[in-house]
Every structure is written in C-alpha cells, then in structure tokens.
Amino acid sequence: MYLLAVVWIAMLSIMPPSHYTGAWDRVPERHRSLVQSIHVDRDSGGQSRRSTMSVHLTPRGNDGQLWHEVGHIVAYSDPKLEADWCRRFWRGGRPIGTLPSSYPVQAEAKDEGQGCPEDFADSYKEMLEHGCLGDHDRSHFMHDRVFRPGEVSACQP
C-alpha cells in the first residue's frame, strides 16, 4: 500500500495544471520524463530549476511558457547538447543567425552567459509550436539532436 501511494504521489507531481494539459501533451514523452515536478508559482515569472529538474509556471501562463521551461530541462539533462548549441550559434555573447525572439539578446544583456540557454529554450518552444525555426541551421540542429521524427508537427511558420 505504501509503495502504491509513493508511485501515485510521484505521478501527481508531474501533472501540469489543467490549463497546461494540451501543451504538456505536445511535449515528447521522453522529454516529459525528464521533468521531475511542475509548480504554479504566482511570482515565478516562469522558470526552471536545474537542481530539481522542476518547472515553475505562472498561474496565467500560456503554452509557450511551459514549452520554453521544458526546453531548459532538456538542455540541463544533456550538458553536451547545450554546449554544442552554444558553440554553434553564439560567439562572444552574440548570436549567430536568426533568433526565434529578442528574449535571448535581452537575457544576455542582463546577465552575461544567459543568452544562449534562453535561445535554446526559445528555439525548443518554437519547434513545438511551429515545427521549424526561421533559421534553417537551427531547425536542422533541433531535428537532428533534440527531436525524433514525428515528435514535432510539419513546419508551419
């Protein structure tokens, strides 16, 4: 009985709030399994934590917020993946190629070294949302190294 309760509690800790269920369902199962817990924190602003492999979302967040934070978890789980991304798409704190949003540049300006991880997470989010990125090299990397065939929809820019 005790073991059943522990398993049930563990399963509950990785279920997203109901308004995130559709977004969670689009995350590949092997990526969902990396997330140890999901929390709704009024003041989090949306974040992920490497130390606990947890995702913290805002109460009124959107699908993109969940996908972005799961993107961080995917990168945390494979430091070589993130290092390869940074080596290929960032030099001297500046991006190479087209970014999916301006957020990585803003993050880099605020905190040196944060642009590349934010770029990876934003790119992960865009792949789940659109199936591709505006930058062919980044899309190719994501298709080759992050997503397996069928895990993201066909490109819908």
Protein backbone atom coordinates (compact mmCIF):
# COMPACT_ATOMS: atom_id res chain seq x y z
CA MET A 1 0.00 0.00 0.00
CA TYR A 2 2.83 2.40 0.90
CA LEU A 3 4.60 1.80 -2.44
CA LEU A 4 1.37 2.43 -4.34
CA ALA A 5 0.94 5.73 -2.51
CA VAL A 6 4.50 6.80 -3.32
CA VAL A 7 4.02 5.98 -7.01
CA TRP A 8 0.70 7.85 -7.04
CA ILE A 9 2.28 10.94 -5.44
CA ALA A 10 5.18 10.82 -7.91
CA MET A 11 2.71 10.71 -10.80
CA LEU A 12 0.83 13.68 -9.41
CA SER A 13 3.99 15.78 -9.18
CA ILE A 14 4.47 15.74 -12.95
CA MET A 15 0.91 16.53 -13.97
CA PRO A 16 0.56 20.12 -15.16
CA PRO A 17 -2.33 22.37 -14.14
CA SER A 18 -5.40 21.72 -16.28
CA HIS A 19 -4.93 24.79 -18.49
CA TYR A 20 -1.48 23.45 -19.49
CA THR A 21 -2.64 19.91 -20.31
CA GLY A 22 -2.84 20.41 -24.09
CA ALA A 23 0.64 21.93 -24.16
CA TRP A 24 2.02 19.13 -21.98
CA ASP A 25 0.57 16.53 -24.33
CA ARG A 26 2.60 18.01 -27.21
CA VAL A 27 5.90 17.58 -25.33
CA PRO A 28 7.56 14.31 -26.41
CA GLU A 29 7.20 11.63 -23.74
CA ARG A 30 10.97 11.22 -23.38
CA HIS A 31 11.23 14.95 -22.61
CA ARG A 32 8.28 14.87 -20.20
CA SER A 33 10.05 12.11 -18.29
CA LEU A 34 12.96 14.49 -17.57
CA VAL A 35 10.69 16.90 -15.66
CA GLN A 36 10.58 15.89 -12.00
CA SER A 37 7.85 18.32 -10.94
CA ILE A 38 5.69 21.17 -12.16
CA HIS A 39 4.67 24.02 -9.89
CA VAL A 40 2.49 27.08 -10.29
CA ASP A 41 4.10 29.99 -8.50
CA ARG A 42 2.44 33.37 -8.59
CA ASP A 43 5.80 35.14 -8.51
CA SER A 44 7.99 32.78 -10.56
CA GLY A 45 7.68 34.60 -13.87
CA GLY A 46 8.15 31.16 -15.40
CA GLN A 47 11.40 29.37 -14.70
CA SER A 48 13.07 26.00 -14.48
CA ARG A 49 15.49 24.74 -11.90
CA ARG A 50 18.45 22.56 -12.80
CA SER A 51 18.95 21.35 -9.22
CA THR A 52 15.46 19.82 -9.03
CA MET A 53 14.67 19.43 -12.76
CA SER A 54 11.45 21.30 -11.97
CA VAL A 55 9.34 23.69 -13.99
CA HIS A 56 7.71 26.71 -12.32
CA LEU A 57 4.90 28.38 -14.22
CA THR A 58 2.76 31.42 -13.64
CA PRO A 59 -0.98 30.90 -12.97
CA ARG A 60 -1.95 32.61 -16.23
CA GLY A 61 0.92 31.34 -18.34
CA ASN A 62 0.50 30.12 -21.87
CA ASP A 63 1.58 27.01 -23.75
CA GLY A 64 4.79 28.71 -24.84
CA GLN A 65 5.83 29.28 -21.23
CA LEU A 66 5.59 25.56 -20.47
CA TRP A 67 7.44 24.58 -23.65
CA HIS A 68 10.20 27.13 -23.02
CA GLU A 69 10.80 25.85 -19.49
CA VAL A 70 10.78 22.21 -20.62
CA GLY A 71 13.37 23.27 -23.21
CA HIS A 72 15.64 24.29 -20.34
CA ILE A 73 15.09 20.90 -18.67
CA VAL A 74 16.04 19.12 -21.91
CA ALA A 75 19.24 21.17 -22.05
CA TYR A 76 20.00 20.56 -18.35
CA SER A 77 19.69 16.84 -18.90
CA ASP A 78 22.36 16.86 -21.62
CA PRO A 79 25.09 19.44 -20.97
CA LYS A 80 26.88 18.44 -24.20
CA LEU A 81 23.75 19.26 -26.19
CA GLU A 82 23.58 22.78 -24.76
CA ALA A 83 27.35 23.27 -25.12
CA ASP A 84 27.18 22.22 -28.78
CA TRP A 85 24.27 24.62 -29.36
CA CYS A 86 26.18 27.49 -27.76
CA ARG A 87 29.38 26.71 -29.66
CA ARG A 88 27.49 26.62 -32.97
CA PHE A 89 25.09 29.55 -32.54
CA TRP A 90 26.79 32.00 -30.15
CA ARG A 91 30.18 33.77 -30.22
CA GLY A 92 31.38 36.29 -27.67
CA GLY A 93 27.94 36.76 -26.17
CA ARG A 94 26.37 37.42 -29.57
CA PRO A 95 24.06 35.16 -31.57
CA ILE A 96 24.93 33.74 -34.97
CA GLY A 97 21.94 33.52 -37.29
CA THR A 98 18.31 34.40 -36.73
CA LEU A 99 16.86 34.07 -33.24
CA PRO A 100 13.27 32.95 -32.64
CA SER A 101 12.71 36.07 -30.47
CA SER A 102 14.55 39.01 -28.95
CA TYR A 103 14.42 37.46 -25.47
CA PRO A 104 17.84 35.73 -25.64
CA VAL A 105 19.57 39.02 -26.51
CA GLN A 106 17.76 40.78 -23.64
CA ALA A 107 18.76 37.96 -21.27
CA GLU A 108 22.41 38.21 -22.39
CA ALA A 109 22.41 41.97 -21.84
CA LYS A 110 21.03 41.49 -18.33
CA ASP A 111 23.23 38.54 -17.33
CA GLU A 112 26.25 37.55 -19.40
CA GLY A 113 26.10 33.93 -20.49
CA GLN A 114 22.30 33.65 -20.30
CA GLY A 115 21.55 34.45 -23.92
CA CYS A 116 22.50 31.07 -25.31
CA PRO A 117 20.48 28.97 -22.81
CA GLU A 118 17.48 31.23 -23.41
CA ASP A 119 17.96 30.87 -27.16
CA PHE A 120 17.93 27.08 -26.85
CA ALA A 121 14.74 27.15 -24.73
CA ASP A 122 13.04 29.62 -27.09
CA SER A 123 14.04 27.50 -30.07
CA TYR A 124 12.65 24.39 -28.37
CA LYS A 125 9.36 26.24 -27.78
CA GLU A 126 9.18 27.39 -31.40
CA MET A 127 9.82 23.86 -32.66
CA LEU A 128 6.87 22.54 -30.66
CA GLU A 129 4.70 25.42 -31.77
CA HIS A 130 5.65 25.61 -35.46
CA GLY A 131 7.74 22.53 -36.31
CA CYS A 132 10.63 24.67 -37.54
CA LEU A 133 12.55 27.88 -36.94
CA GLY A 134 13.21 30.91 -39.14
CA ASP A 135 16.87 29.86 -39.24
CA HIS A 136 17.46 26.69 -41.27
CA ASP A 137 20.65 25.72 -39.38
CA ARG A 138 18.90 25.97 -36.02
CA SER A 139 15.94 23.93 -37.29
CA HIS A 140 18.31 21.31 -38.63
CA PHE A 141 20.12 21.08 -35.27
CA MET A 142 16.82 20.69 -33.42
CA HIS A 143 15.61 18.00 -35.82
CA ASP A 144 18.94 16.14 -35.64
CA ARG A 145 19.77 16.46 -31.95
CA VAL A 146 16.63 17.23 -29.96
CA PHE A 147 13.53 15.86 -31.67
CA ARG A 148 12.93 12.50 -33.30
CA PRO A 149 10.80 12.11 -36.43
CA GLY A 150 7.14 12.62 -35.60
CA GLU A 151 7.77 14.46 -32.31
CA VAL A 152 7.05 17.86 -33.83
CA SER A 153 4.49 18.80 -36.45
CA ALA A 154 5.40 19.71 -40.00
CA CYS A 155 6.73 23.22 -40.42
CA GLN A 156 4.00 25.86 -40.07
CA PRO A 157 5.71 29.28 -39.96
